[in-house]
């Protein structure tokens, strides 16, 4: 049985115009260094039942190729702060691990997983670090193309995603303050809070 790992994903997303320059964030809170952007192409196939039983419960199952977290992922519904994301090795990228199916068994019921969407994302990632070298957060500049595999519809958009990293503040109040500070800079640069809860929700038109 493939062993999975778990992490709490705390992030915020923003819609941005195609030609909007990405702002520099040094000086926001404890941010002292901003890395040069690292580019990766991420291709994720999302799985659900024919009637989208999981998506309607805010659960996402995907097989992602590319990037540092390539593999099978399950994103559970949002909690008080962020949402839990579970990771498994990619394997053949077609057959989900048995352990994954056990995790979502109650929500899946008698349904069968089928591919419902494909999201291709060219991502530029900048890591924000404090003066002591701790990685606080990353700013991802995402150029996204989605395909709804149920209807044939497609979409393309750009978004910014800010996600806290392991060196983020150790209290919820300070984490929120860091995110609020970054958000103020992004909104001032022309970003807008995302109109969709996730790339999958937008791809499926939910």
Protein backbone atom coordinates (compact mmCIF):
# COMPACT_ATOMS: atom_id res chain seq x y z
CA UNK A 1 0.00 0.00 0.00
CA UNK A 2 1.41 3.39 -1.02
CA UNK A 3 2.17 5.53 2.01
CA UNK A 4 0.84 9.08 1.94
CA UNK A 5 1.98 12.28 3.60
CA UNK A 6 -0.18 15.13 4.79
CA UNK A 7 0.18 18.89 4.96
CA UNK A 8 -2.03 21.85 5.82
CA UNK A 9 -2.33 24.13 2.82
CA UNK A 10 -2.90 27.77 3.77
CA UNK A 11 -3.21 29.93 0.69
CA UNK A 12 -5.03 32.77 -1.01
CA UNK A 13 -5.78 33.16 -4.72
CA UNK A 14 -6.18 36.23 -6.91
CA UNK A 15 -7.40 36.87 -10.45
CA UNK A 16 -5.03 39.01 -12.51
CA UNK A 17 -4.95 40.43 -16.03
CA UNK A 18 -2.61 38.80 -18.54
CA UNK A 19 -0.13 41.70 -18.72
CA UNK A 20 -0.06 42.74 -15.04
CA UNK A 21 3.50 43.01 -13.66
CA UNK A 22 4.21 40.91 -10.57
CA UNK A 23 5.01 43.18 -7.61
CA UNK A 24 8.08 42.78 -5.43
CA UNK A 25 7.25 41.89 -1.83
CA UNK A 26 10.49 42.54 0.07
CA UNK A 27 9.59 44.65 3.09
CA UNK A 28 6.14 43.16 3.59
CA UNK A 29 6.09 41.88 7.15
CA UNK A 30 9.28 39.90 7.75
CA UNK A 31 9.99 39.32 4.04
CA UNK A 32 13.65 40.19 3.49
CA UNK A 33 14.53 38.21 0.33
CA UNK A 34 12.56 37.29 -2.77
CA UNK A 35 14.01 34.57 -4.96
CA UNK A 36 14.27 34.69 -8.71
CA UNK A 37 11.24 32.95 -10.29
CA UNK A 38 11.49 29.24 -10.98
CA UNK A 39 9.30 28.03 -13.86
CA UNK A 40 7.59 24.65 -14.11
CA UNK A 41 4.79 23.18 -16.21
CA UNK A 42 2.23 21.31 -14.13
CA UNK A 43 -0.32 19.03 -15.79
CA UNK A 44 -3.06 17.77 -13.49
CA UNK A 45 -5.84 15.32 -14.34
CA UNK A 46 -8.73 15.54 -11.89
CA UNK A 47 -10.90 12.55 -11.06
CA UNK A 48 -14.46 12.40 -9.76
CA UNK A 49 -17.66 10.46 -10.29
CA UNK A 50 -19.81 11.15 -13.35
CA UNK A 51 -22.15 13.24 -11.20
CA UNK A 52 -19.23 15.15 -9.54
CA UNK A 53 -19.98 13.71 -6.13
CA UNK A 54 -16.60 14.78 -4.71
CA UNK A 55 -16.42 18.27 -6.20
CA UNK A 56 -19.81 19.11 -4.74
CA UNK A 57 -18.35 18.26 -1.31
CA UNK A 58 -15.29 20.48 -1.97
CA UNK A 59 -13.00 17.43 -2.32
CA UNK A 60 -10.47 17.24 -5.16
CA UNK A 61 -8.56 14.18 -6.42
CA UNK A 62 -5.82 14.72 -8.97
CA UNK A 63 -2.79 13.12 -10.56
CA UNK A 64 -0.20 15.85 -11.20
CA UNK A 65 2.87 15.57 -13.40
CA UNK A 66 5.68 18.10 -13.13
CA UNK A 67 6.90 20.31 -10.31
CA UNK A 68 8.24 19.45 -6.89
CA UNK A 69 5.04 17.82 -5.63
CA UNK A 70 4.33 15.50 -8.57
CA UNK A 71 2.01 12.70 -7.53
CA UNK A 72 -1.53 11.89 -6.49
CA UNK A 73 -3.21 14.49 -4.29
CA UNK A 74 -6.43 14.61 -2.32
CA UNK A 75 -7.58 18.01 -1.11
CA UNK A 76 -10.12 17.79 1.68
CA UNK A 77 -12.80 20.44 2.33
CA UNK A 78 -11.55 23.76 3.79
CA UNK A 79 -11.32 23.94 7.56
CA UNK A 80 -10.96 26.88 9.92
CA UNK A 81 -7.54 27.70 8.49
CA UNK A 82 -6.64 26.22 5.13
CA UNK A 83 -7.31 22.71 3.91
CA UNK A 84 -5.57 19.39 4.39
CA UNK A 85 -3.80 17.99 1.33
CA UNK A 86 -2.70 14.35 1.15
CA UNK A 87 0.07 13.19 -1.21
CA UNK A 88 0.95 9.81 -2.73
CA UNK A 89 3.61 8.80 -5.29
CA UNK A 90 2.44 9.16 -8.89
CA UNK A 91 2.92 5.54 -9.93
CA UNK A 92 1.48 5.10 -13.42
CA UNK A 93 -0.57 8.28 -13.00
CA UNK A 94 -3.73 6.43 -14.09
CA UNK A 95 -4.68 4.05 -11.28
CA UNK A 96 -5.14 5.83 -7.94
CA UNK A 97 -3.48 4.18 -4.92
CA UNK A 98 -5.71 1.88 -2.90
CA UNK A 99 -4.98 3.96 0.21
CA UNK A 100 -6.30 7.06 -1.57
CA UNK A 101 -9.55 5.28 -2.41
CA UNK A 102 -9.90 4.28 1.24
CA UNK A 103 -9.50 7.89 2.38
CA UNK A 104 -12.41 9.08 0.20
CA UNK A 105 -14.42 5.88 0.49
CA UNK A 106 -17.32 7.34 2.47
CA UNK A 107 -17.68 10.30 0.11
CA UNK A 108 -17.23 8.18 -3.01
CA UNK A 109 -19.82 5.62 -1.96
CA UNK A 110 -20.60 3.29 -4.85
CA UNK A 111 -19.29 5.80 -7.39
CA UNK A 112 -16.37 5.11 -9.72
CA UNK A 113 -13.59 7.62 -10.37
CA UNK A 114 -13.26 8.87 -13.95
CA UNK A 115 -11.23 11.77 -15.40
CA UNK A 116 -13.37 14.95 -15.33
CA UNK A 117 -10.91 17.80 -15.98
CA UNK A 118 -7.37 18.50 -17.09
CA UNK A 119 -5.54 21.62 -15.95
CA UNK A 120 -2.23 22.68 -17.50
CA UNK A 121 -0.43 25.38 -15.56
CA UNK A 122 2.80 27.19 -16.41
CA UNK A 123 3.88 28.40 -12.96
CA UNK A 124 6.54 30.94 -11.98
CA UNK A 125 7.30 30.56 -8.27
CA UNK A 126 9.03 33.15 -6.09
CA UNK A 127 10.01 32.13 -2.53
CA UNK A 128 9.75 34.81 0.17
CA UNK A 129 12.33 34.43 2.93
CA UNK A 130 12.99 36.29 6.18
CA UNK A 131 16.36 37.68 7.30
CA UNK A 132 17.23 34.43 9.09
CA UNK A 133 16.67 32.36 5.95
CA UNK A 134 13.31 30.85 6.89
CA UNK A 135 10.95 30.38 3.96
CA UNK A 136 7.76 32.24 4.84
CA UNK A 137 5.64 31.91 1.73
CA UNK A 138 5.70 31.51 -2.01
CA UNK A 139 4.07 33.64 -4.66
CA UNK A 140 3.00 31.63 -7.70
CA UNK A 141 2.22 33.36 -10.97
CA UNK A 142 -0.01 30.85 -12.79
CA UNK A 143 -0.92 30.84 -16.48
CA UNK A 144 -3.69 28.26 -16.60
CA UNK A 145 -5.49 26.34 -19.35
CA UNK A 146 -8.31 24.01 -18.37
CA UNK A 147 -10.32 21.37 -20.19
CA UNK A 148 -13.65 20.07 -18.94
CA UNK A 149 -13.45 16.42 -19.99
CA UNK A 150 -17.20 15.95 -19.48
CA UNK A 151 -18.41 18.77 -21.74
CA UNK A 152 -15.40 19.60 -23.93
CA UNK A 153 -15.39 23.21 -22.70
CA UNK A 154 -12.06 24.96 -22.16
CA UNK A 155 -10.91 28.10 -20.39
CA UNK A 156 -7.70 30.07 -19.92
CA UNK A 157 -6.78 32.57 -17.22
CA UNK A 158 -3.99 33.94 -15.07
CA UNK A 159 -3.93 33.96 -11.28
CA UNK A 160 -1.60 34.64 -8.39
CA UNK A 161 -1.47 32.19 -5.52
CA UNK A 162 0.17 32.91 -2.17
CA UNK A 163 0.86 29.86 -0.02
CA UNK A 164 2.51 29.77 3.39
CA UNK A 165 5.63 27.61 3.76
CA UNK A 166 7.25 25.82 6.69
CA UNK A 167 8.94 28.98 8.03
CA UNK A 168 5.67 30.90 8.31
CA UNK A 169 4.76 32.42 11.70
CA UNK A 170 3.74 29.94 14.37
CA UNK A 171 0.49 31.63 15.40
CA UNK A 172 -2.68 32.01 13.38
CA UNK A 173 -2.82 35.72 14.15
CA UNK A 174 0.68 36.32 12.76
CA UNK A 175 0.07 34.08 9.75
CA UNK A 176 -3.06 36.06 8.94
CA UNK A 177 -1.15 39.33 9.34
CA UNK A 178 1.51 38.14 6.88
CA UNK A 179 -1.11 37.10 4.34
CA UNK A 180 -2.99 40.36 4.82
CA UNK A 181 0.19 42.35 4.21
CA UNK A 182 0.97 40.46 1.03
CA UNK A 183 -2.62 40.78 -0.10
CA UNK A 184 -2.56 44.55 0.31
CA UNK A 185 0.42 44.74 -2.06
CA UNK A 186 -1.16 42.42 -4.62
CA UNK A 187 -4.46 44.31 -4.62
CA UNK A 188 -2.61 47.61 -4.95
CA UNK A 189 -0.83 46.14 -7.99
CA UNK A 190 -4.16 45.36 -9.64
CA UNK A 191 -5.06 41.86 -8.48
CA UNK A 192 -8.59 40.88 -7.44
CA UNK A 193 -9.64 38.21 -4.94
CA UNK A 194 -10.33 35.03 -6.92
CA UNK A 195 -13.91 34.63 -8.07
CA UNK A 196 -13.55 30.84 -7.94
CA UNK A 197 -12.64 28.62 -5.01
CA UNK A 198 -10.15 26.52 -6.99
CA UNK A 199 -8.85 25.77 -10.47
CA UNK A 200 -11.01 22.63 -10.50
CA UNK A 201 -14.19 24.52 -9.61
CA UNK A 202 -13.51 26.97 -12.43
CA UNK A 203 -12.66 24.21 -14.91
CA UNK A 204 -15.95 22.45 -14.15
CA UNK A 205 -18.00 25.66 -14.09
CA UNK A 206 -19.11 25.14 -10.48
